[in-house]
Amino acid sequence: MRITYFGHAFFLLEGENGPAIAIDPFDASIGYSVPSVTADLVLASHEHFDHANVGAVQGKPRAIVGAAGVGRHELGGAAITGVAARHYGDPALAARGDNTVYLIELDGLRVCHTGDLGHALDDPALAQLGRVDILMVPVGGFFTLDVERVDDVVNRVAPKVVIPMHYRTPAVTSDVVFRIATKDAYLRGKKNVREQPSTIAVRPEDLPAQREIWVMAYVE
C-alpha cells in the first residue's frame, strides 16, 4: 500500500492493485495547495470545509461523507468500517457535530483514520475497529482531542504505527485552523519517532515490532 499525506487530515491510500482511497480532502482556504488527486473512493469523517472537499477529487469517485459512513462498505478489494464518534468531548461543544472514524482494510493492512475525534473511544467502538496496524490521529488539539488525551486513545487502540495529523504547519494560513497547535507538544518526550517522506510504501512485514510514530512530510 502507498500512503500519501497532503497535510491536515488529507491522505491518499493506494492499493497495489487498487483501489485508491482519498480521506478528508481539504479546500484551499486553510493554506495548503489543493492537490490533483484521482481516487475510486472518497471518505470524509464529517462535513466541515477542511475535511469534505469531495469535489476536488478526480476520477468520479464514490463519496461517503459523515454519518453515511457508519457501517460496512466494500470496494474493489478494500473493506471499510465506519464507526460513529463525535467531534467533541464536552457536551457544551455539541454544535461541532458528529464524526466518523474509518477503518480501511487493504493489502493486508488495517489503517484507522480517526477524523476530528473529540473524545476517548469506548469499548464498543474499539471492538468494532478490532486490530489496527496504522493509526492516523489528530494531535493539534482545540477542535479535537486535547494532546494529553491522544496517548490514551493510542494506548487503547494499540497500533503498530501512529501517524500524527491535524496540526499546524507553516502552510496553514487560515485564522480558524491556526488555532490548532503544532505537533511539538505531542512529540515532546516520545521515543521511536521516525521522519518519513510525504509518500511511503508499506507492507505488513514492514510494520515495526515495537510501536513507532511516523511523522510524514506533507506534499508542498
Protein backbone atom coordinates (compact mmCIF):
# COMPACT_ATOMS: atom_id res chain seq x y z
CA MET A 1 0.00 0.00 0.00
CA ARG A 2 1.13 3.54 -0.79
CA ILE A 3 0.20 6.26 1.69
CA THR A 4 0.49 9.91 0.67
CA TYR A 5 -0.02 12.79 3.12
CA PHE A 6 -1.15 16.17 1.81
CA GLY A 7 -1.27 17.92 5.18
CA HIS A 8 -4.00 18.47 7.78
CA ALA A 9 -6.07 15.24 7.74
CA PHE A 10 -5.91 14.55 3.98
CA PHE A 11 -4.42 11.21 2.93
CA LEU A 12 -4.48 9.01 -0.15
CA LEU A 13 -4.25 5.23 0.25
CA GLU A 14 -3.44 3.27 -2.89
CA GLY A 15 -3.64 -0.49 -3.00
CA GLU A 16 -1.07 -2.39 -5.02
CA ASN A 17 -3.85 -3.47 -7.37
CA GLY A 18 -6.32 -0.76 -6.42
CA PRO A 19 -8.45 0.88 -5.25
CA ALA A 20 -7.29 4.43 -4.43
CA ILE A 21 -9.00 5.94 -1.39
CA ALA A 22 -8.87 9.65 -0.53
CA ILE A 23 -9.64 10.61 3.07
CA ASP A 24 -10.73 14.01 4.41
CA PRO A 25 -9.78 16.27 1.47
CA PHE A 26 -9.47 19.96 2.42
CA ASP A 27 -10.22 23.09 0.44
CA ALA A 28 -7.76 25.89 -0.34
CA SER A 29 -8.92 28.17 2.45
CA ILE A 30 -6.73 26.58 5.12
CA GLY A 31 -3.48 27.35 3.28
CA TYR A 32 -2.34 24.08 1.76
CA SER A 33 -2.44 23.77 -2.02
CA VAL A 34 -5.29 21.53 -3.09
CA PRO A 35 -3.55 18.62 -4.83
CA SER A 36 -4.58 16.95 -8.05
CA VAL A 37 -5.77 13.58 -6.76
CA THR A 38 -7.61 10.80 -8.57
CA ALA A 39 -9.36 8.18 -6.48
CA ASP A 40 -12.02 5.49 -6.63
CA LEU A 41 -13.45 6.38 -3.23
CA VAL A 42 -13.55 9.48 -1.03
CA LEU A 43 -14.15 9.18 2.70
CA ALA A 44 -14.97 12.28 4.75
CA SER A 45 -15.16 11.98 8.52
CA HIS A 46 -17.58 14.93 8.72
CA GLU A 47 -18.85 17.77 6.58
CA HIS A 48 -16.60 20.66 7.63
CA PHE A 49 -14.80 22.63 4.92
CA ASP A 50 -11.36 21.34 5.86
CA HIS A 51 -12.35 17.68 5.62
CA ALA A 52 -15.02 17.27 2.96
CA ASN A 53 -13.87 18.92 -0.27
CA VAL A 54 -15.11 15.88 -2.18
CA GLY A 55 -15.38 17.76 -5.47
CA ALA A 56 -11.63 18.31 -5.61
CA VAL A 57 -11.00 14.57 -6.04
CA GLN A 58 -10.95 13.50 -9.67
CA GLY A 59 -11.95 10.24 -11.32
CA LYS A 60 -15.69 10.30 -10.48
CA PRO A 61 -15.14 8.56 -7.13
CA ARG A 62 -17.83 7.17 -4.90
CA ALA A 63 -18.16 9.51 -1.92
CA ILE A 64 -19.04 8.52 1.65
CA VAL A 65 -19.46 11.50 3.96
CA GLY A 66 -20.00 11.75 7.70
CA ALA A 67 -22.78 9.68 9.26
CA ALA A 68 -23.38 7.89 5.94
CA GLY A 69 -20.04 6.21 6.53
CA VAL A 70 -21.14 4.36 9.65
CA GLY A 71 -21.27 0.63 8.94
CA ARG A 72 -19.54 -1.68 6.48
CA HIS A 73 -18.58 -0.80 2.90
CA GLU A 74 -16.61 -2.66 0.22
CA LEU A 75 -14.95 -1.50 -2.96
CA GLY A 76 -12.53 -3.28 -5.26
CA GLY A 77 -10.72 -5.38 -2.69
CA ALA A 78 -10.93 -2.83 0.14
CA ALA A 79 -13.23 -3.14 3.15
CA ILE A 80 -14.16 -0.04 5.12
CA THR A 81 -15.77 0.06 8.54
CA GLY A 82 -17.21 3.37 9.72
CA VAL A 83 -17.56 3.80 13.48
CA ALA A 84 -19.80 6.51 14.91
CA ALA A 85 -17.98 9.07 17.06
CA ARG A 86 -18.19 12.75 17.99
CA HIS A 87 -16.31 15.92 17.04
CA TYR A 88 -16.44 16.99 20.67
CA GLY A 89 -15.87 15.70 24.18
CA ASP A 90 -17.56 18.44 26.22
CA PRO A 91 -21.35 18.39 25.65
CA ALA A 92 -21.23 22.19 25.59
CA LEU A 93 -19.46 21.87 22.23
CA ALA A 94 -22.06 19.54 20.71
CA ALA A 95 -22.69 22.02 17.88
CA ARG A 96 -19.49 20.72 16.30
CA GLY A 97 -21.46 17.63 15.37
CA ASP A 98 -20.63 14.01 14.79
CA ASN A 99 -17.53 12.39 13.37
CA THR A 100 -16.96 9.04 11.67
CA VAL A 101 -13.84 7.01 12.39
CA TYR A 102 -12.83 4.86 9.43
CA LEU A 103 -11.00 1.54 9.41
CA ILE A 104 -9.67 0.65 5.96
CA GLU A 105 -8.58 -2.94 5.26
CA LEU A 106 -6.38 -3.08 2.17
CA ASP A 107 -3.33 -5.07 1.09
CA GLY A 108 -3.25 -6.99 4.36
CA LEU A 109 -3.07 -3.78 6.43
CA ARG A 110 -5.66 -2.24 8.75
CA VAL A 111 -5.46 1.55 8.72
CA CYS A 112 -7.59 3.68 11.03
CA HIS A 113 -8.25 7.37 10.30
CA THR A 114 -9.97 8.98 13.29
CA GLY A 115 -11.05 12.21 11.60
CA ASP A 116 -11.72 15.04 14.06
CA LEU A 117 -12.12 12.77 17.05
CA GLY A 118 -13.01 14.76 20.15
CA HIS A 119 -13.20 12.07 22.84
CA ALA A 120 -11.78 8.78 24.03
CA LEU A 121 -13.02 5.69 22.21
CA ASP A 122 -15.19 3.42 24.33
CA ASP A 123 -15.09 -0.37 24.41
CA PRO A 124 -17.84 -0.91 21.78
CA ALA A 125 -16.02 1.39 19.34
CA LEU A 126 -12.74 -0.39 19.96
CA ALA A 127 -14.44 -3.73 19.38
CA GLN A 128 -15.77 -2.53 16.03
CA LEU A 129 -12.29 -1.43 14.98
CA GLY A 130 -10.53 -4.58 16.11
CA ARG A 131 -6.83 -4.81 15.28
CA VAL A 132 -5.32 -1.59 13.98
CA ASP A 133 -1.91 -1.59 12.31
CA ILE A 134 -1.64 2.12 11.46
CA LEU A 135 -3.48 4.86 13.36
CA MET A 136 -3.90 8.37 11.94
CA VAL A 137 -4.81 10.61 14.87
CA PRO A 138 -5.18 14.41 15.38
CA VAL A 139 -2.57 15.91 17.69
CA GLY A 140 -3.18 19.66 17.32
CA GLY A 141 -5.95 19.89 19.90
CA PHE A 142 -8.51 22.73 20.21
CA PHE A 143 -11.06 21.23 17.76
CA THR A 144 -10.12 17.64 18.61
CA LEU A 145 -8.69 15.62 21.49
CA ASP A 146 -6.53 17.51 23.94
CA VAL A 147 -2.95 16.48 23.41
CA GLU A 148 -2.89 14.88 26.88
CA ARG A 149 -5.67 12.51 25.81
CA VAL A 150 -4.16 11.43 22.50
CA ASP A 151 -1.93 8.92 24.27
CA ASP A 152 -4.97 7.35 25.91
CA VAL A 153 -6.55 6.76 22.51
CA VAL A 154 -3.29 5.43 21.08
CA ASN A 155 -2.73 3.07 24.00
CA ARG A 156 -6.26 1.70 23.85
CA VAL A 157 -6.22 1.20 20.08
CA ALA A 158 -2.69 -0.27 20.34
CA PRO A 159 -1.48 0.23 16.75
CA LYS A 160 1.96 -0.70 15.48
CA VAL A 161 2.35 2.75 13.87
CA VAL A 162 0.97 6.18 14.80
CA ILE A 163 0.81 8.89 12.12
CA PRO A 164 0.10 12.34 13.64
CA MET A 165 -2.22 14.61 11.66
CA HIS A 166 -4.37 17.73 12.02
CA TYR A 167 -1.71 20.02 13.47
CA ARG A 168 -0.47 23.45 12.47
CA THR A 169 2.38 23.73 9.97
CA PRO A 170 3.97 26.69 8.15
CA ALA A 171 1.48 26.12 5.31
CA VAL A 172 -1.53 26.99 7.46
CA THR A 173 -2.85 30.50 6.86
CA SER A 174 -6.49 30.14 7.95
CA ASP A 175 -7.33 32.08 11.11
CA VAL A 176 -9.67 29.25 12.09
CA VAL A 177 -7.24 26.38 11.58
CA PHE A 178 -4.39 28.43 13.06
CA ARG A 179 -5.94 27.79 16.49
CA ILE A 180 -4.61 24.25 16.45
CA ALA A 181 -1.15 23.59 17.84
CA THR A 182 1.91 22.26 16.09
CA LYS A 183 2.93 18.63 16.56
CA ASP A 184 5.65 19.60 19.05
CA ALA A 185 3.64 19.17 22.26
CA TYR A 186 2.53 15.70 21.24
CA LEU A 187 6.01 14.58 20.21
CA ARG A 188 7.77 16.00 23.28
CA GLY A 189 9.47 13.15 25.14
CA LYS A 190 8.25 10.50 22.70
CA LYS A 191 10.54 7.67 21.66
CA ASN A 192 10.72 5.76 18.39
CA VAL A 193 9.85 8.79 16.27
CA ARG A 194 10.71 8.42 12.57
CA GLU A 195 10.59 11.17 9.97
CA GLN A 196 9.01 9.97 6.74
CA PRO A 197 8.57 11.46 3.26
CA SER A 198 5.15 12.55 2.03
CA THR A 199 4.64 9.20 0.27
CA ILE A 200 5.57 5.85 1.74
CA ALA A 201 5.05 2.24 0.65
CA VAL A 202 4.08 -0.14 3.44
CA ARG A 203 3.66 -3.90 3.51
CA PRO A 204 2.53 -5.93 6.53
CA GLU A 205 6.08 -7.17 7.01
CA ASP A 206 7.30 -3.56 7.25
CA LEU A 207 5.37 -2.92 10.46
CA PRO A 208 7.67 -2.47 13.47
CA ALA A 209 7.74 -4.94 16.33
CA GLN A 210 7.60 -2.03 18.78
CA ARG A 211 5.25 0.90 18.26
CA GLU A 212 6.66 3.79 16.23
CA ILE A 213 5.47 7.29 15.42
CA TRP A 214 5.86 8.12 11.75
CA VAL A 215 5.86 11.87 11.13
CA MET A 216 5.07 12.26 7.46
CA ALA A 217 6.12 15.31 5.48
CA TYR A 218 3.21 16.93 3.69
CA VAL A 219 3.08 17.48 -0.05
CA GLU A 220 4.16 21.06 -0.82
